[in-house]
C-alpha atoms as a PDB file:
ATOM      1  CA  MET A   1      80.705  89.333  82.837  1.00  0.00           C
ATOM      2  CA  LYS A   2      78.380  87.394  80.692  1.00  0.00           C
ATOM      3  CA  LEU A   3      75.350  85.784  81.615  1.00  0.00           C
ATOM      4  CA  ARG A   4      73.660  82.978  79.963  1.00  0.00           C
ATOM      5  CA  VAL A   5      70.527  80.968  80.082  1.00  0.00           C
ATOM      6  CA  LEU A   6      70.493  77.631  77.915  1.00  0.00           C
ATOM      7  CA  LEU A   7      67.231  75.899  77.079  1.00  0.00           C
ATOM      8  CA  LYS A   8      67.045  72.401  75.267  1.00  0.00           C
ATOM      9  CA  ARG A   9      63.572  72.549  73.498  1.00  0.00           C
ATOM     10  CA  PRO A  10      62.532  69.510  71.017  1.00  0.00           C
ATOM     11  CA  PHE A  11      64.346  71.136  67.939  1.00  0.00           C
ATOM     12  CA  GLY A  12      67.895  71.838  69.995  1.00  0.00           C
ATOM     13  CA  GLU A  13      68.899  74.271  72.478  1.00  0.00           C
ATOM     14  CA  VAL A  14      68.356  78.073  72.466  1.00  0.00           C
ATOM     15  CA  GLU A  15      70.803  80.216  73.879  1.00  0.00           C
ATOM     16  CA  ILE A  16      69.970  83.945  75.318  1.00  0.00           C
ATOM     17  CA  GLU A  17      72.434  85.965  77.201  1.00  0.00           C
ATOM     18  CA  GLY A  18      73.063  89.617  78.339  1.00  0.00           C
ATOM     19  CA  GLY A  19      75.629  91.582  80.171  1.00  0.00           C
ATOM     20  CA  SER A  20      73.834  92.335  83.062  1.00  0.00           C
ATOM     21  CA  LEU A  21      70.988  90.826  84.871  1.00  0.00           C
ATOM     22  CA  ASP A  22      68.819  93.667  83.442  1.00  0.00           C
ATOM     23  CA  GLU A  23      69.730  92.954  79.887  1.00  0.00           C
ATOM     24  CA  LEU A  24      68.719  89.194  80.663  1.00  0.00           C
ATOM     25  CA  VAL A  25      65.659  89.805  81.611  1.00  0.00           C
ATOM     26  CA  GLU A  26      64.941  92.160  78.531  1.00  0.00           C
ATOM     27  CA  ASN A  27      66.070  89.301  76.544  1.00  0.00           C
ATOM     28  CA  LEU A  28      64.001  87.010  77.816  1.00  0.00           C
ATOM     29  CA  LYS A  29      60.771  88.563  77.762  1.00  0.00           C
ATOM     30  CA  VAL A  30      61.098  88.291  73.808  1.00  0.00           C
ATOM     31  CA  LEU A  31      62.085  84.881  73.916  1.00  0.00           C
ATOM     32  CA  PRO A  32      58.283  83.648  73.830  1.00  0.00           C
ATOM     33  CA  ASP A  33      57.804  85.625  70.301  1.00  0.00           C
ATOM     34  CA  TRP A  34      61.419  84.116  68.932  1.00  0.00           C
ATOM     35  CA  LEU A  35      60.277  80.589  70.073  1.00  0.00           C
ATOM     36  CA  SER A  36      56.792  80.807  68.095  1.00  0.00           C
ATOM     37  CA  VAL A  37      58.617  81.679  64.767  1.00  0.00           C
ATOM     38  CA  ILE A  38      61.772  78.979  65.642  1.00  0.00           C
ATOM     39  CA  GLU A  39      59.221  75.827  66.122  1.00  0.00           C
ATOM     40  CA  LYS A  40      56.806  77.180  63.057  1.00  0.00           C
ATOM     41  CA  LEU A  41      59.999  77.470  60.504  1.00  0.00           C
ATOM     42  CA  VAL A  42      61.233  73.740  61.823  1.00  0.00           C
ATOM     43  CA  SER A  43      57.737  72.293  62.153  1.00  0.00           C
ATOM     44  CA  GLY A  44      56.612  73.592  58.851  1.00  0.00           C
ATOM     45  CA  PRO A  45      53.484  73.721  57.234  1.00  0.00           C
ATOM     46  CA  GLU A  46      52.616  70.194  56.485  1.00  0.00           C
ATOM     47  CA  LEU A  47      52.162  69.737  60.613  1.00  0.00           C
ATOM     48  CA  SER A  48      49.293  71.917  60.846  1.00  0.00           C
ATOM     49  CA  GLY A  49      47.049  68.997  61.911  1.00  0.00           C
ATOM     50  CA  GLU A  50      45.201  69.128  58.265  1.00  0.00           C
ATOM     51  CA  PRO A  51      45.633  65.796  56.646  1.00  0.00           C
ATOM     52  CA  SER A  52      48.332  65.714  54.041  1.00  0.00           C
ATOM     53  CA  GLU A  53      47.496  64.875  50.451  1.00  0.00           C
ATOM     54  CA  LEU A  54      50.649  63.225  50.304  1.00  0.00           C
ATOM     55  CA  LEU A  55      49.741  60.179  52.664  1.00  0.00           C
ATOM     56  CA  SER A  56      46.417  59.997  50.577  1.00  0.00           C
ATOM     57  CA  GLY A  57      46.297  55.829  49.594  1.00  0.00           C
ATOM     58  CA  LEU A  58      48.983  54.891  52.544  1.00  0.00           C
ATOM     59  CA  THR A  59      47.185  55.933  55.927  1.00  0.00           C
ATOM     60  CA  GLU A  60      44.200  56.701  57.196  1.00  0.00           C
ATOM     61  CA  ALA A  61      43.082  58.387  60.205  1.00  0.00           C
ATOM     62  CA  SER A  62      41.188  56.201  62.909  1.00  0.00           C
ATOM     63  CA  GLN A  63      39.698  56.994  66.638  1.00  0.00           C
ATOM     64  CA  GLU A  64      43.491  55.412  67.795  1.00  0.00           C
ATOM     65  CA  GLY A  65      45.439  57.503  65.434  1.00  0.00           C
ATOM     66  CA  PRO A  66      46.985  57.324  62.083  1.00  0.00           C
ATOM     67  CA  LEU A  67      47.183  53.665  60.664  1.00  0.00           C
ATOM     68  CA  LEU A  68      48.898  52.617  57.982  1.00  0.00           C
ATOM     69  CA  THR A  69      46.860  50.948  54.688  1.00  0.00           C
ATOM     70  CA  VAL A  70      50.116  50.035  52.399  1.00  0.00           C
ATOM     71  CA  ALA A  71      51.308  46.255  52.180  1.00  0.00           C
ATOM     72  CA  LYS A  72      53.777  45.375  54.785  1.00  0.00           C
ATOM     73  CA  GLU A  73      56.141  43.975  52.405  1.00  0.00           C
ATOM     74  CA  ARG A  74      56.385  47.562  50.382  1.00  0.00           C
ATOM     75  CA  ILE A  75      57.795  49.003  53.648  1.00  0.00           C
ATOM     76  CA  SER A  76      60.044  49.101  56.341  1.00  0.00           C
ATOM     77  CA  ASP A  77      59.838  49.145  59.995  1.00  0.00           C
ATOM     78  CA  LYS A  78      61.569  52.308  60.201  1.00  0.00           C
ATOM     79  CA  GLU A  79      59.609  53.652  56.850  1.00  0.00           C
ATOM     80  CA  ALA A  80      56.242  52.625  58.900  1.00  0.00           C
ATOM     81  CA  ILE A  81      57.222  54.503  61.666  1.00  0.00           C
ATOM     82  CA  GLY A  82      58.017  57.774  60.027  1.00  0.00           C
ATOM     83  CA  LEU A  83      54.739  57.172  57.958  1.00  0.00           C
ATOM     84  CA  LEU A  84      52.824  57.339  61.171  1.00  0.00           C
ATOM     85  CA  LEU A  85      54.641  59.967  63.162  1.00  0.00           C
ATOM     86  CA  TYR A  86      54.629  62.271  59.767  1.00  0.00           C
ATOM     87  CA  ALA A  87      50.833  61.544  59.775  1.00  0.00           C
ATOM     88  CA  ALA A  88      50.230  62.044  63.609  1.00  0.00           C
ATOM     89  CA  GLY A  89      51.486  66.210  62.772  1.00  0.00           C
ATOM     90  CA  ALA A  90      52.566  67.930  65.613  1.00  0.00           C
ATOM     91  CA  ARG A  91      51.689  65.440  67.865  1.00  0.00           C
ATOM     92  CA  LEU A  92      54.203  63.912  69.945  1.00  0.00           C
ATOM     93  CA  LEU A  93      53.606  60.019  70.403  1.00  0.00           C
ATOM     94  CA  GLU A  94      55.019  57.727  72.690  1.00  0.00           C
ATOM     95  CA  PRO A  95      56.881  54.395  71.850  1.00  0.00           C
ATOM     96  CA  LYS A  96      53.609  52.638  73.421  1.00  0.00           C
ATOM     97  CA  SER A  97      51.285  54.547  71.387  1.00  0.00           C
ATOM     98  CA  ILE A  98      53.229  54.110  67.781  1.00  0.00           C
ATOM     99  CA  GLY A  99      53.408  50.074  68.690  1.00  0.00           C
ATOM    100  CA  ARG A 100      49.610  49.775  69.450  1.00  0.00           C
ATOM    101  CA  LEU A 101      49.709  51.798  65.896  1.00  0.00           C
ATOM    102  CA  LEU A 102      51.553  49.310  64.215  1.00  0.00           C
ATOM    103  CA  GLU A 103      49.968  46.335  65.297  1.00  0.00           C
ATOM    104  CA  LEU A 104      46.394  48.070  64.607  1.00  0.00           C
ATOM    105  CA  SER A 105      48.013  48.304  61.355  1.00  0.00           C
ATOM    106  CA  GLY A 106      48.633  45.082  60.940  1.00  0.00           C
ATOM    107  CA  ARG A 107      52.688  44.679  61.293  1.00  0.00           C
ATOM    108  CA  PRO A 108      53.959  44.617  64.998  1.00  0.00           C
ATOM    109  CA  CYS A 109      57.312  45.750  65.253  1.00  0.00           C
ATOM    110  CA  PRO A 110      59.254  43.847  68.207  1.00  0.00           C
ATOM    111  CA  GLY A 111      62.041  45.875  67.424  1.00  0.00           C
ATOM    112  CA  LEU A 112      60.396  49.288  68.017  1.00  0.00           C
ATOM    113  CA  GLY A 113      62.905  50.827  70.298  1.00  0.00           C
ATOM    114  CA  ALA A 114      65.824  49.516  68.644  1.00  0.00           C
ATOM    115  CA  ARG A 115      64.492  51.544  65.329  1.00  0.00           C
ATOM    116  CA  LEU A 116      63.295  54.350  67.113  1.00  0.00           C
ATOM    117  CA  SER A 117      67.167  54.472  68.117  1.00  0.00           C
ATOM    118  CA  GLU A 118      68.146  54.174  64.563  1.00  0.00           C
ATOM    119  CA  LEU A 119      66.110  56.739  63.433  1.00  0.00           C
ATOM    120  CA  ARG A 120      67.382  59.076  66.174  1.00  0.00           C
ATOM    121  CA  ARG A 121      70.983  58.307  65.335  1.00  0.00           C
ATOM    122  CA  GLU A 122      70.213  59.198  61.913  1.00  0.00           C
ATOM    123  CA  GLY A 123      68.976  62.390  62.704  1.00  0.00           C
ATOM    124  CA  LEU A 124      65.327  61.500  61.106  1.00  0.00           C
ATOM    125  CA  VAL A 125      63.165  61.947  64.900  1.00  0.00           C
ATOM    126  CA  LEU A 126      63.795  64.020  68.023  1.00  0.00           C
ATOM    127  CA  LYS A 127      62.970  62.606  71.247  1.00  0.00           C
ATOM    128  CA  ASP A 128      60.715  65.165  73.549  1.00  0.00           C
ATOM    129  CA  GLY A 129      60.651  63.319  77.115  1.00  0.00           C
ATOM    130  CA  ALA A 130      59.073  60.220  76.537  1.00  0.00           C
ATOM    131  CA  ALA A 131      57.743  61.008  73.189  1.00  0.00           C
ATOM    132  CA  TYR A 132      58.819  61.678  69.610  1.00  0.00           C
ATOM    133  CA  ARG A 133      58.344  63.004  66.274  1.00  0.00           C
ATOM    134  CA  LEU A 134      60.219  64.099  62.749  1.00  0.00           C
ATOM    135  CA  SER A 135      63.026  66.374  62.954  1.00  0.00           C
ATOM    136  CA  ALA A 136      63.029  68.564  59.481  1.00  0.00           C
ATOM    137  CA  ALA A 137      65.302  66.014  57.648  1.00  0.00           C
ATOM    138  CA  GLY A 138      62.912  63.215  58.945  1.00  0.00           C
ATOM    139  CA  LYS A 139      59.660  64.655  57.050  1.00  0.00           C
ATOM    140  CA  ASP A 140      61.610  65.473  53.844  1.00  0.00           C
ATOM    141  CA  TRP A 141      62.873  61.707  54.108  1.00  0.00           C
ATOM    142  CA  VAL A 142      58.951  60.704  54.877  1.00  0.00           C
ATOM    143  CA  GLU A 143      58.148  63.119  52.002  1.00  0.00           C
ATOM    144  CA  LYS A 144      60.325  61.241  49.647  1.00  0.00           C
ATOM    145  CA  GLU A 145      59.458  57.928  50.551  1.00  0.00           C
ATOM    146  CA  ALA A 146      55.706  58.730  50.375  1.00  0.00           C
ATOM    147  CA  THR A 147      56.046  60.363  46.976  1.00  0.00           C
ATOM    148  CA  ARG A 148      57.893  56.847  45.613  1.00  0.00           C
ATOM    149  CA  LEU A 149      55.197  54.559  47.470  1.00  0.00           C
ATOM    150  CA  ARG A 150      52.431  56.740  45.652  1.00  0.00           C
ATOM    151  CA  GLY A 151      54.586  55.828  42.397  1.00  0.00           C
ATOM    152  CA  GLY A 152      55.368  59.431  41.802  1.00  0.00           C
END
């Protein structure tokens, strides 16, 4: 008989199994070390909390959080959301916070919920409870968009 434990994490599901209860317990003991490794691999170095050179001229830090400085006409609402999530680093942002940051950036987004759903369907953002963060594919997408916007 195999015993399994399924853990849902922001990056996906982790399954632990063992042939006996003792084996399962032993496997669970090393789980925190493995989760740390997995989360570092998934989040990448750009989420260390340090401001990214890539976003220079596109976002700026404020007390409220990151704000967009790029002209509204140059990016779509989805790209604006992606830039904010990227600039937030490892912090998860709830839709209310994202909406507030968009408003403070001068670009209210009445269809925010729909845009977040689209980004999630496209695999660019992950939902963790009531908050959002970029997926690995989302980080790549934002990096490409930021490079394009900076003329590189």
